[in-house]
Amino acid sequence: MHVNKVHSVFTIGRVAKDLGEDEDWLWDVANGMDPEDGVIWVYGISDDSVMAFTDFGIENLMELIRIHKEDPELLKRWNQ
């Protein structure tokens, strides 16, 4: 039997605040992450949704932040 060990997630807004990063920029950095990377989508009553991260996802995101800060051109190339 599969047991989900994720007991909490953090919204992208919370992660941006905690890491001192711009939320829109962080969204661009995290946009390519998959559920196995620790990112999930949380859906509300209406059609709104928000990106959220497990602890593992935050670790992966921090590595992506480091990579993107070392090479800011990555996002420009990705978005073209």
N, C-alpha and C. Protein backbone atom coordinates (compact mmCIF):
# COMPACT_ATOMS: atom_id res chain seq x y z
N MET A 1 0.83 -1.17 0.00
CA MET A 1 0.00 0.00 0.00
C MET A 1 0.88 1.24 0.00
N HIS A 2 0.60 2.18 -0.93
CA HIS A 2 1.35 3.43 -1.03
C HIS A 2 0.87 4.41 0.03
N VAL A 3 1.80 4.98 0.76
CA VAL A 3 1.47 5.97 1.77
C VAL A 3 2.18 7.27 1.41
N ASN A 4 1.40 8.34 1.21
CA ASN A 4 1.97 9.63 0.89
C ASN A 4 2.62 10.21 2.14
N LYS A 5 3.90 10.53 2.06
CA LYS A 5 4.63 11.03 3.21
C LYS A 5 4.69 12.55 3.25
N VAL A 6 4.09 13.22 2.28
CA VAL A 6 4.05 14.67 2.28
C VAL A 6 2.96 15.11 3.24
N HIS A 7 3.32 15.89 4.24
CA HIS A 7 2.33 16.32 5.22
C HIS A 7 2.03 17.81 5.13
N SER A 8 2.84 18.54 4.35
CA SER A 8 2.57 19.96 4.16
C SER A 8 3.28 20.44 2.90
N VAL A 9 2.76 21.53 2.36
CA VAL A 9 3.39 22.18 1.21
C VAL A 9 3.39 23.68 1.47
N PHE A 10 4.22 24.38 0.71
CA PHE A 10 4.35 25.82 0.86
C PHE A 10 4.06 26.47 -0.48
N THR A 11 3.20 27.48 -0.48
CA THR A 11 2.87 28.15 -1.73
C THR A 11 4.08 28.90 -2.26
N ILE A 12 4.04 29.19 -3.55
CA ILE A 12 5.14 29.90 -4.17
C ILE A 12 5.33 31.28 -3.54
N GLY A 13 4.22 31.92 -3.14
CA GLY A 13 4.33 33.21 -2.48
C GLY A 13 5.08 33.12 -1.16
N ARG A 14 4.78 32.09 -0.40
CA ARG A 14 5.48 31.88 0.89
C ARG A 14 6.95 31.57 0.66
N VAL A 15 7.24 30.72 -0.32
CA VAL A 15 8.63 30.36 -0.61
C VAL A 15 9.41 31.59 -1.09
N ALA A 16 8.80 32.38 -1.96
CA ALA A 16 9.45 33.60 -2.45
C ALA A 16 9.79 34.52 -1.28
N LYS A 17 8.84 34.70 -0.39
CA LYS A 17 9.07 35.56 0.78
C LYS A 17 10.19 35.01 1.65
N ASP A 18 10.13 33.71 1.95
CA ASP A 18 11.13 33.09 2.82
C ASP A 18 12.53 33.14 2.22
N LEU A 19 12.61 33.03 0.88
CA LEU A 19 13.92 33.03 0.22
C LEU A 19 14.35 34.43 -0.22
N GLY A 20 13.47 35.42 -0.06
CA GLY A 20 13.81 36.78 -0.45
C GLY A 20 13.91 36.96 -1.96
N GLU A 21 13.06 36.23 -2.68
CA GLU A 21 13.07 36.29 -4.15
C GLU A 21 11.75 36.87 -4.66
N ASP A 22 11.78 37.40 -5.88
CA ASP A 22 10.58 37.90 -6.53
C ASP A 22 9.71 36.72 -6.95
N GLU A 23 8.44 36.77 -6.62
CA GLU A 23 7.55 35.64 -6.89
C GLU A 23 7.41 35.36 -8.39
N ASP A 24 7.30 36.40 -9.20
CA ASP A 24 7.16 36.19 -10.65
C ASP A 24 8.41 35.54 -11.24
N TRP A 25 9.59 36.01 -10.80
CA TRP A 25 10.84 35.42 -11.28
C TRP A 25 10.94 33.97 -10.81
N LEU A 26 10.55 33.72 -9.58
CA LEU A 26 10.60 32.37 -9.04
C LEU A 26 9.67 31.45 -9.82
N TRP A 27 8.50 31.96 -10.22
CA TRP A 27 7.58 31.17 -11.01
C TRP A 27 8.23 30.77 -12.33
N ASP A 28 8.92 31.71 -12.98
CA ASP A 28 9.62 31.40 -14.23
C ASP A 28 10.68 30.32 -14.02
N VAL A 29 11.41 30.41 -12.92
CA VAL A 29 12.45 29.43 -12.61
C VAL A 29 11.84 28.05 -12.36
N ALA A 30 10.73 28.00 -11.64
CA ALA A 30 10.11 26.73 -11.23
C ALA A 30 9.20 26.13 -12.29
N ASN A 31 8.89 26.87 -13.32
CA ASN A 31 7.90 26.45 -14.30
C ASN A 31 8.20 25.09 -14.93
N GLY A 32 9.43 24.72 -15.06
CA GLY A 32 9.79 23.44 -15.68
C GLY A 32 9.83 22.27 -14.71
N MET A 33 9.56 22.51 -13.43
CA MET A 33 9.60 21.43 -12.44
C MET A 33 8.40 20.52 -12.60
N ASP A 34 8.58 19.26 -12.25
CA ASP A 34 7.53 18.24 -12.32
C ASP A 34 7.19 17.75 -10.91
N PRO A 35 6.07 17.05 -10.76
CA PRO A 35 5.71 16.54 -9.43
C PRO A 35 6.82 15.73 -8.77
N GLU A 36 7.56 14.96 -9.53
CA GLU A 36 8.66 14.19 -8.91
C GLU A 36 9.78 15.08 -8.40
N ASP A 37 9.79 16.36 -8.82
CA ASP A 37 10.76 17.34 -8.32
C ASP A 37 10.27 18.01 -7.05
N GLY A 38 9.02 17.74 -6.66
CA GLY A 38 8.48 18.30 -5.43
C GLY A 38 7.60 19.51 -5.60
N VAL A 39 7.06 19.70 -6.80
CA VAL A 39 6.13 20.80 -7.03
C VAL A 39 4.74 20.22 -7.29
N ILE A 40 3.72 20.87 -6.76
CA ILE A 40 2.34 20.43 -7.00
C ILE A 40 1.49 21.67 -7.26
N TRP A 41 0.32 21.46 -7.79
CA TRP A 41 -0.64 22.54 -7.98
C TRP A 41 -1.77 22.34 -6.99
N VAL A 42 -2.16 23.42 -6.33
CA VAL A 42 -3.26 23.40 -5.37
C VAL A 42 -4.41 24.17 -6.01
N TYR A 43 -5.58 23.54 -6.08
CA TYR A 43 -6.74 24.13 -6.73
C TYR A 43 -7.77 24.53 -5.69
N GLY A 44 -8.33 25.74 -5.89
CA GLY A 44 -9.36 26.25 -5.00
C GLY A 44 -10.75 25.95 -5.54
N ILE A 45 -11.74 26.59 -4.96
CA ILE A 45 -13.13 26.38 -5.34
C ILE A 45 -13.39 26.84 -6.77
N SER A 46 -12.88 27.99 -7.11
CA SER A 46 -13.07 28.47 -8.49
C SER A 46 -11.94 27.89 -9.36
N ASP A 47 -11.69 28.51 -10.46
CA ASP A 47 -10.65 28.00 -11.36
C ASP A 47 -9.25 28.45 -10.95
N ASP A 48 -9.11 29.09 -9.80
CA ASP A 48 -7.79 29.55 -9.39
C ASP A 48 -6.94 28.37 -8.91
N SER A 49 -5.66 28.51 -9.11
CA SER A 49 -4.71 27.49 -8.65
C SER A 49 -3.42 28.19 -8.26
N VAL A 50 -2.63 27.51 -7.47
CA VAL A 50 -1.36 28.08 -7.03
C VAL A 50 -0.30 26.97 -7.01
N MET A 51 0.91 27.34 -7.41
CA MET A 51 2.04 26.41 -7.36
C MET A 51 2.48 26.29 -5.90
N ALA A 52 2.80 25.08 -5.49
CA ALA A 52 3.26 24.85 -4.13
C ALA A 52 4.38 23.82 -4.15
N PHE A 53 5.17 23.80 -3.08
CA PHE A 53 6.35 22.95 -3.01
C PHE A 53 6.40 22.15 -1.73
N THR A 54 6.84 20.91 -1.86
CA THR A 54 7.17 20.10 -0.69
C THR A 54 8.53 20.57 -0.20
N ASP A 55 8.98 20.03 0.93
CA ASP A 55 10.33 20.35 1.40
C ASP A 55 11.37 19.96 0.35
N PHE A 56 11.18 18.80 -0.25
CA PHE A 56 12.07 18.33 -1.32
C PHE A 56 12.03 19.29 -2.50
N GLY A 57 10.85 19.79 -2.82
CA GLY A 57 10.70 20.74 -3.91
C GLY A 57 11.44 22.04 -3.65
N ILE A 58 11.41 22.50 -2.40
CA ILE A 58 12.14 23.73 -2.06
C ILE A 58 13.63 23.51 -2.22
N GLU A 59 14.12 22.35 -1.82
CA GLU A 59 15.55 22.04 -2.01
C GLU A 59 15.90 22.08 -3.50
N ASN A 60 15.08 21.46 -4.33
CA ASN A 60 15.32 21.47 -5.78
C ASN A 60 15.23 22.88 -6.34
N LEU A 61 14.25 23.64 -5.87
CA LEU A 61 14.09 25.01 -6.33
C LEU A 61 15.29 25.86 -5.96
N MET A 62 15.83 25.68 -4.78
CA MET A 62 17.01 26.44 -4.36
C MET A 62 18.20 26.14 -5.28
N GLU A 63 18.32 24.91 -5.72
CA GLU A 63 19.38 24.56 -6.67
C GLU A 63 19.13 25.25 -8.02
N LEU A 64 17.88 25.27 -8.46
CA LEU A 64 17.55 25.96 -9.71
C LEU A 64 17.82 27.47 -9.60
N ILE A 65 17.52 28.04 -8.45
CA ILE A 65 17.81 29.46 -8.22
C ILE A 65 19.30 29.71 -8.38
N ARG A 66 20.11 28.86 -7.77
CA ARG A 66 21.56 29.01 -7.86
C ARG A 66 22.01 28.94 -9.32
N ILE A 67 21.50 27.97 -10.05
CA ILE A 67 21.87 27.79 -11.46
C ILE A 67 21.47 29.02 -12.28
N HIS A 68 20.26 29.51 -12.06
CA HIS A 68 19.78 30.66 -12.83
C HIS A 68 20.48 31.96 -12.46
N LYS A 69 20.92 32.07 -11.23
CA LYS A 69 21.67 33.27 -10.85
C LYS A 69 23.08 33.23 -11.43
N GLU A 70 23.64 32.03 -11.57
CA GLU A 70 24.96 31.90 -12.20
C GLU A 70 24.89 32.20 -13.69
N ASP A 71 23.75 31.89 -14.33
CA ASP A 71 23.57 32.13 -15.76
C ASP A 71 22.18 32.72 -16.01
N PRO A 72 22.03 34.05 -15.82
CA PRO A 72 20.72 34.69 -16.00
C PRO A 72 20.16 34.55 -17.41
N GLU A 73 20.98 34.21 -18.36
CA GLU A 73 20.51 34.06 -19.75
C GLU A 73 19.65 32.80 -19.94
N LEU A 74 19.68 31.88 -18.99
CA LEU A 74 18.92 30.64 -19.13
C LEU A 74 17.44 30.90 -19.36
N LEU A 75 16.85 31.79 -18.58
CA LEU A 75 15.42 32.07 -18.73
C LEU A 75 15.14 32.74 -20.06
N LYS A 76 16.02 33.61 -20.49
CA LYS A 76 15.82 34.28 -21.78
C LYS A 76 15.82 33.26 -22.91
N ARG A 77 16.75 32.32 -22.85
CA ARG A 77 16.82 31.27 -23.88
C ARG A 77 15.61 30.36 -23.81
N TRP A 78 15.17 30.04 -22.61
CA TRP A 78 14.04 29.13 -22.41
C TRP A 78 12.74 29.73 -22.94
N ASN A 79 12.57 31.05 -22.75
CA ASN A 79 11.33 31.72 -23.11
C ASN A 79 11.26 32.12 -24.58
N GLN A 80 12.29 31.91 -25.34
CA GLN A 80 12.26 32.30 -26.75
C GLN A 80 11.59 31.27 -27.60
